[in-house]
Amino acid sequence: MQKNKNFSRIISGTMTWGSWGKKLSKKEMIELMHHCIENGLTTFDHADIYGSYSTEADFGKAYAESGIKREDIQLISKCGIQLTRGRDNKINHYQYDKEYIIWSAEQSLRKLNTEYLDLLLMHRPSPLMEPFEMAEALQYLLDSGKVKQIGVSNFTPTQVAMLEKAIPVSGNQVEFSLTHDQPMYDGTFDDCIANNRLAMAWSPLGSYFRDSDKQTKRIKKAMEPLEEKYSANASQLLLAWILKHPAKIYPVIGTTDKKRIKQSAKAAEIDLELQDWFSLLVASQGHDVP
């Protein structure tokens, strides 16, 4: 059974919706939710830490007045990172004891105004995480119906395997893009394919628009003929490049720009030809394939 069948092919990331970014008003959030759904982005990716623990609540207040049916959307959230911003912590750290995981998940439910999460992710691996204690909390959340599936974020394949000794892991969300392609080579996506795990990519556009270095200049040159060939812009081609991978990776886009959201949705319709896919890979890496 496909673990990822209920999620939209492009996922809307909410990290910049609140105080860490655009500081959207409730009205603007409601409009953006509807715009995402109208363009096929029905899955919203959260984390408890976004907005220094405030964005889930901002989103939840907007969702409560949006008129959107819960069964028409999917909500993902994450826990495990303890920040000094927004909480009385002396130092940034990770926390994965049973009581904390349950408390954190229930806080996310309350803030998001929902009775369940479609997916709860352990946000980053901790050197001190104890898989069987984590599993006790996660199994409780699954059994109670408060969480439909559990997964991880930024975990290595060996860390996933360790946790899976205690409880099945449905997905892994990692940084992946044309300019950050390590998950293709470090076993992360091999693990997702082999174990039918949902693969998600945060920062899917990578450094293409952020940096002007040798790598991005090579990619830009390789992009030019493809933009004309596929009648697509660079953002769409960067997403299409990810979507072609056999791990069936789900990009999590961070934009709040309505035009870019609409364009991103159309990326799912682009099927890059094999040699075009490799032309972008070669441009990114700066050398021919071995």
Protein backbone atom coordinates (compact mmCIF):
# COMPACT_ATOMS: atom_id res chain seq x y z
CA MET A 1 0.00 0.00 0.00
CA GLN A 2 1.30 3.45 -0.90
CA LYS A 3 1.89 5.32 2.33
CA ASN A 4 1.83 8.65 0.50
CA LYS A 5 -1.38 8.34 -1.50
CA ASN A 6 -3.25 11.05 0.40
CA PHE A 7 -0.72 13.87 0.03
CA SER A 8 -0.73 16.45 -2.76
CA ARG A 9 2.10 16.05 -5.28
CA ILE A 10 3.39 19.50 -4.36
CA ILE A 11 3.22 20.34 -0.64
CA SER A 12 2.74 23.86 0.73
CA GLY A 13 5.31 24.68 3.42
CA THR A 14 4.12 27.15 6.04
CA MET A 15 7.43 28.17 7.63
CA THR A 16 7.31 31.73 6.25
CA TRP A 17 3.56 32.32 6.59
CA GLY A 18 3.91 33.81 10.07
CA SER A 19 6.41 35.80 12.09
CA TRP A 20 9.45 34.13 10.48
CA GLY A 21 8.50 35.52 7.09
CA LYS A 22 5.53 37.27 5.52
CA LYS A 23 3.57 37.86 8.76
CA LEU A 24 0.32 37.10 6.94
CA SER A 25 -2.91 38.33 8.52
CA LYS A 26 -5.71 35.89 9.26
CA LYS A 27 -7.54 37.07 6.14
CA GLU A 28 -4.41 36.61 4.01
CA MET A 29 -3.85 33.11 5.40
CA ILE A 30 -7.43 32.11 4.60
CA GLU A 31 -7.04 33.42 1.04
CA LEU A 32 -3.73 31.60 0.63
CA MET A 33 -5.17 28.31 1.92
CA HIS A 34 -7.98 28.47 -0.61
CA HIS A 35 -5.57 29.42 -3.40
CA CYS A 36 -3.34 26.44 -2.58
CA ILE A 37 -6.29 24.05 -2.57
CA GLU A 38 -7.66 25.46 -5.84
CA ASN A 39 -4.29 24.70 -7.43
CA GLY A 40 -4.07 21.18 -6.05
CA LEU A 41 -1.82 21.87 -3.05
CA THR A 42 -3.99 20.30 -0.37
CA THR A 43 -1.16 19.31 1.97
CA PHE A 44 0.23 21.86 4.42
CA ASP A 45 3.59 21.27 6.09
CA HIS A 46 4.10 22.70 9.60
CA ALA A 47 6.52 22.40 12.49
CA ASP A 48 5.92 23.38 16.10
CA ILE A 49 8.94 25.73 16.01
CA TYR A 50 7.80 27.84 13.04
CA GLY A 51 7.34 31.44 14.04
CA SER A 52 9.02 30.61 17.37
CA TYR A 53 6.07 28.33 18.19
CA SER A 54 3.43 30.78 16.91
CA THR A 55 2.69 29.90 13.28
CA GLU A 56 0.64 26.77 13.97
CA ALA A 57 -1.74 28.85 16.11
CA ASP A 58 -1.95 31.61 13.48
CA PHE A 59 -2.74 29.03 10.82
CA GLY A 60 -5.24 27.27 13.07
CA LYS A 61 -7.19 30.46 13.75
CA ALA A 62 -7.38 31.14 10.03
CA TYR A 63 -8.32 27.54 9.23
CA ALA A 64 -11.15 27.64 11.80
CA GLU A 65 -12.77 30.51 9.86
CA SER A 66 -11.85 29.30 6.35
CA GLY A 67 -14.81 27.03 5.71
CA ILE A 68 -12.38 24.36 4.52
CA LYS A 69 -13.42 20.80 5.35
CA ARG A 70 -10.81 18.83 7.29
CA GLU A 71 -11.16 15.83 4.98
CA ASP A 72 -10.17 18.02 2.02
CA ILE A 73 -6.70 18.86 3.38
CA GLN A 74 -3.75 17.08 4.96
CA LEU A 75 -1.75 18.50 7.85
CA ILE A 76 1.85 17.58 8.59
CA SER A 77 3.75 18.81 11.63
CA LYS A 78 7.03 18.13 13.40
CA CYS A 79 8.36 18.06 16.94
CA GLY A 80 11.57 17.49 18.82
CA ILE A 81 13.45 20.79 18.50
CA GLN A 82 13.59 22.97 21.60
CA LEU A 83 14.48 26.59 20.82
CA THR A 84 15.40 29.45 23.13
CA ARG A 85 13.14 31.64 21.01
CA GLY A 86 9.55 31.33 22.16
CA ARG A 87 10.30 29.09 25.13
CA ASP A 88 12.17 29.30 28.40
CA ASN A 89 15.17 27.24 27.28
CA LYS A 90 18.79 28.06 28.10
CA ILE A 91 20.10 26.48 24.90
CA ASN A 92 18.75 25.09 21.64
CA HIS A 93 18.46 21.31 21.95
CA TYR A 94 16.42 18.23 21.03
CA GLN A 95 13.91 16.42 23.24
CA TYR A 96 12.33 13.05 22.51
CA ASP A 97 11.14 11.57 25.79
CA LYS A 98 7.68 9.97 25.78
CA GLU A 99 5.91 12.71 27.72
CA TYR A 100 7.35 15.50 25.59
CA ILE A 101 6.46 13.93 22.24
CA ILE A 102 2.86 13.38 23.33
CA TRP A 103 2.60 16.87 24.83
CA SER A 104 4.09 18.49 21.74
CA ALA A 105 1.79 16.63 19.34
CA GLU A 106 -1.26 17.57 21.44
CA GLN A 107 -0.12 21.21 21.44
CA SER A 108 0.06 21.10 17.63
CA LEU A 109 -3.46 19.65 17.45
CA ARG A 110 -4.82 22.36 19.72
CA LYS A 111 -3.07 25.17 17.87
CA LEU A 112 -4.04 23.89 14.42
CA ASN A 113 -7.68 23.42 15.48
CA THR A 114 -7.73 19.82 14.33
CA GLU A 115 -8.42 16.46 15.94
CA TYR A 116 -5.63 14.66 14.09
CA LEU A 117 -2.43 15.10 12.10
CA ASP A 118 -2.07 13.19 8.85
CA LEU A 119 1.65 12.88 9.52
CA LEU A 120 3.86 13.71 12.51
CA LEU A 121 7.61 13.94 11.90
CA MET A 122 10.49 13.79 14.36
CA HIS A 123 12.13 17.02 13.21
CA ARG A 124 15.86 16.33 13.61
CA PRO A 125 17.78 13.37 15.02
CA SER A 126 19.16 13.67 18.52
CA PRO A 127 22.32 11.90 19.70
CA LEU A 128 20.34 11.00 22.82
CA MET A 129 17.17 9.64 21.19
CA GLU A 130 16.00 6.27 22.51
CA PRO A 131 13.89 4.56 19.82
CA PHE A 132 11.80 2.36 22.08
CA GLU A 133 10.78 5.26 24.31
CA MET A 134 9.97 7.33 21.22
CA ALA A 135 7.92 4.42 19.89
CA GLU A 136 5.82 4.28 23.07
CA ALA A 137 4.75 7.88 22.54
CA LEU A 138 4.23 7.51 18.81
CA GLN A 139 2.23 4.29 19.19
CA TYR A 140 -0.03 6.02 21.72
CA LEU A 141 -0.63 8.86 19.25
CA LEU A 142 -1.41 6.38 16.47
CA ASP A 143 -3.70 4.22 18.63
CA SER A 144 -5.61 7.26 19.89
CA GLY A 145 -6.18 8.51 16.33
CA LYS A 146 -4.42 11.78 17.06
CA VAL A 147 -1.83 10.99 14.39
CA LYS A 148 -2.46 8.93 11.24
CA GLN A 149 1.17 8.25 10.30
CA ILE A 150 4.57 8.95 11.82
CA GLY A 151 7.86 9.74 10.14
CA VAL A 152 11.11 11.61 10.47
CA SER A 153 12.90 14.62 9.03
CA ASN A 154 16.63 14.99 8.33
CA PHE A 155 17.37 11.43 9.51
CA THR A 156 20.05 9.28 7.91
CA PRO A 157 19.10 5.79 6.69
CA THR A 158 20.82 4.20 9.70
CA GLN A 159 18.91 6.46 12.09
CA VAL A 160 15.66 5.54 10.34
CA ALA A 161 16.59 1.85 10.65
CA MET A 162 17.27 2.32 14.35
CA LEU A 163 13.86 3.88 14.99
CA GLU A 164 12.19 1.27 12.82
CA LYS A 165 13.41 -1.45 15.18
CA ALA A 166 10.76 -0.03 17.48
CA ILE A 167 8.02 1.34 15.16
CA PRO A 168 7.32 1.59 11.40
CA VAL A 169 8.50 4.86 9.84
CA SER A 170 6.25 6.15 7.06
CA GLY A 171 8.40 8.92 5.60
CA ASN A 172 11.53 11.06 5.68
CA GLN A 173 11.66 14.76 4.82
CA VAL A 174 15.16 15.94 3.90
CA GLU A 175 16.88 18.81 2.18
CA PHE A 176 17.07 17.99 -1.52
CA SER A 177 17.41 19.96 -4.72
CA LEU A 178 19.47 20.12 -7.89
CA THR A 179 22.11 22.06 -5.93
CA HIS A 180 21.94 19.77 -2.87
CA ASP A 181 21.75 16.23 -4.23
CA GLN A 182 23.35 14.17 -1.44
CA PRO A 183 20.17 12.17 -0.61
CA MET A 184 20.49 10.50 -4.01
CA TYR A 185 23.92 9.20 -3.05
CA ASP A 186 23.92 8.67 0.73
CA GLY A 187 21.23 5.99 0.77
CA THR A 188 18.32 8.21 1.86
CA PHE A 189 16.23 7.78 -1.28
CA ASP A 190 17.38 4.18 -1.78
CA ASP A 191 15.89 3.51 1.66
CA CYS A 192 12.64 5.28 0.73
CA ILE A 193 12.26 3.22 -2.44
CA ALA A 194 13.21 -0.08 -0.81
CA ASN A 195 10.84 0.42 2.13
CA ASN A 196 7.99 2.27 0.39
CA ARG A 197 8.67 5.36 2.50
CA LEU A 198 7.27 8.78 1.65
CA ALA A 199 10.18 10.94 0.47
CA MET A 200 9.79 14.70 0.89
CA ALA A 201 12.17 17.48 -0.09
CA TRP A 202 12.50 20.77 1.75
CA SER A 203 14.22 23.71 0.04
CA PRO A 204 13.54 22.11 -3.37
CA LEU A 205 14.83 25.11 -5.34
CA GLY A 206 18.14 24.94 -3.51
CA SER A 207 20.56 27.80 -4.01
CA TYR A 208 19.60 28.48 -7.63
CA PHE A 209 17.95 31.84 -6.96
CA ARG A 210 19.93 32.63 -3.81
CA ASP A 211 23.52 32.32 -5.02
CA SER A 212 25.42 33.49 -8.07
CA ASP A 213 28.35 31.12 -8.11
CA LYS A 214 29.93 28.76 -10.64
CA GLN A 215 27.38 26.04 -9.94
CA THR A 216 24.27 28.19 -10.40
CA LYS A 217 25.76 29.83 -13.48
CA ARG A 218 26.34 26.42 -15.08
CA ILE A 219 22.77 25.38 -14.26
CA LYS A 220 21.35 28.62 -15.65
CA LYS A 221 23.16 28.03 -18.94
CA ALA A 222 21.82 24.47 -19.13
CA MET A 223 18.33 25.70 -18.23
CA GLU A 224 17.98 28.18 -21.09
CA PRO A 225 17.19 25.74 -23.91
CA LEU A 226 14.98 23.67 -21.62
CA GLU A 227 12.83 26.65 -20.61
CA GLU A 228 11.96 27.12 -24.26
CA LYS A 229 11.60 23.39 -24.96
CA TYR A 230 9.17 22.77 -22.09
CA SER A 231 7.56 26.24 -22.03
CA ALA A 232 8.51 26.40 -18.37
CA ASN A 233 10.44 28.70 -16.05
CA ALA A 234 13.44 27.76 -13.93
CA SER A 235 11.39 27.11 -10.78
CA GLN A 236 9.15 24.67 -12.63
CA LEU A 237 12.11 22.84 -14.15
CA LEU A 238 13.84 22.56 -10.77
CA LEU A 239 10.71 20.95 -9.36
CA ALA A 240 10.22 18.74 -12.42
CA TRP A 241 13.81 17.52 -12.00
CA ILE A 242 12.97 16.38 -8.46
CA LEU A 243 9.64 14.85 -9.46
CA LYS A 244 11.28 12.55 -12.02
CA HIS A 245 13.24 10.66 -9.37
CA PRO A 246 11.89 7.11 -8.78
CA ALA A 247 11.56 7.74 -5.03
CA LYS A 248 8.47 9.80 -5.98
CA ILE A 249 9.75 12.75 -3.96
CA TYR A 250 7.21 15.29 -2.75
CA PRO A 251 8.66 18.84 -2.90
CA VAL A 252 7.70 21.16 -0.03
CA ILE A 253 7.59 24.67 -1.51
CA GLY A 254 7.95 27.66 0.78
CA THR A 255 6.56 30.47 -1.36
CA THR A 256 3.49 32.50 -0.34
CA ASP A 257 3.32 34.15 -3.77
CA LYS A 258 0.06 33.10 -5.46
CA LYS A 259 1.50 33.23 -8.98
CA ARG A 260 4.46 31.07 -8.03
CA ILE A 261 2.18 28.58 -6.26
CA LYS A 262 0.12 28.22 -9.43
CA GLN A 263 3.26 27.79 -11.52
CA SER A 264 4.67 25.25 -9.08
CA ALA A 265 1.52 23.15 -9.34
CA LYS A 266 1.98 22.96 -13.10
CA ALA A 267 5.49 21.52 -12.62
CA ALA A 268 3.85 18.19 -11.89
CA GLU A 269 2.75 18.08 -15.54
CA ILE A 270 6.34 18.35 -16.88
CA ASP A 271 8.04 15.07 -17.73
CA LEU A 272 11.70 15.80 -18.36
CA GLU A 273 13.33 13.63 -20.99
CA LEU A 274 16.11 11.41 -19.66
CA GLN A 275 18.99 13.29 -21.27
CA ASP A 276 17.56 16.66 -20.24
CA TRP A 277 17.44 15.44 -16.62
CA PHE A 278 21.08 14.41 -16.82
CA SER A 279 22.09 17.66 -18.50
CA LEU A 280 20.93 19.52 -15.39
CA LEU A 281 22.67 17.05 -13.06
CA VAL A 282 25.94 17.44 -14.98
CA ALA A 283 25.61 21.22 -14.91
CA SER A 284 25.07 21.16 -11.16
CA GLN A 285 27.98 18.83 -10.40
CA GLY A 286 30.37 20.46 -12.87
CA HIS A 287 31.53 17.22 -14.43
CA ASP A 288 30.25 14.44 -16.66
CA VAL A 289 28.78 11.35 -15.02
CA PRO A 290 31.52 8.86 -14.06
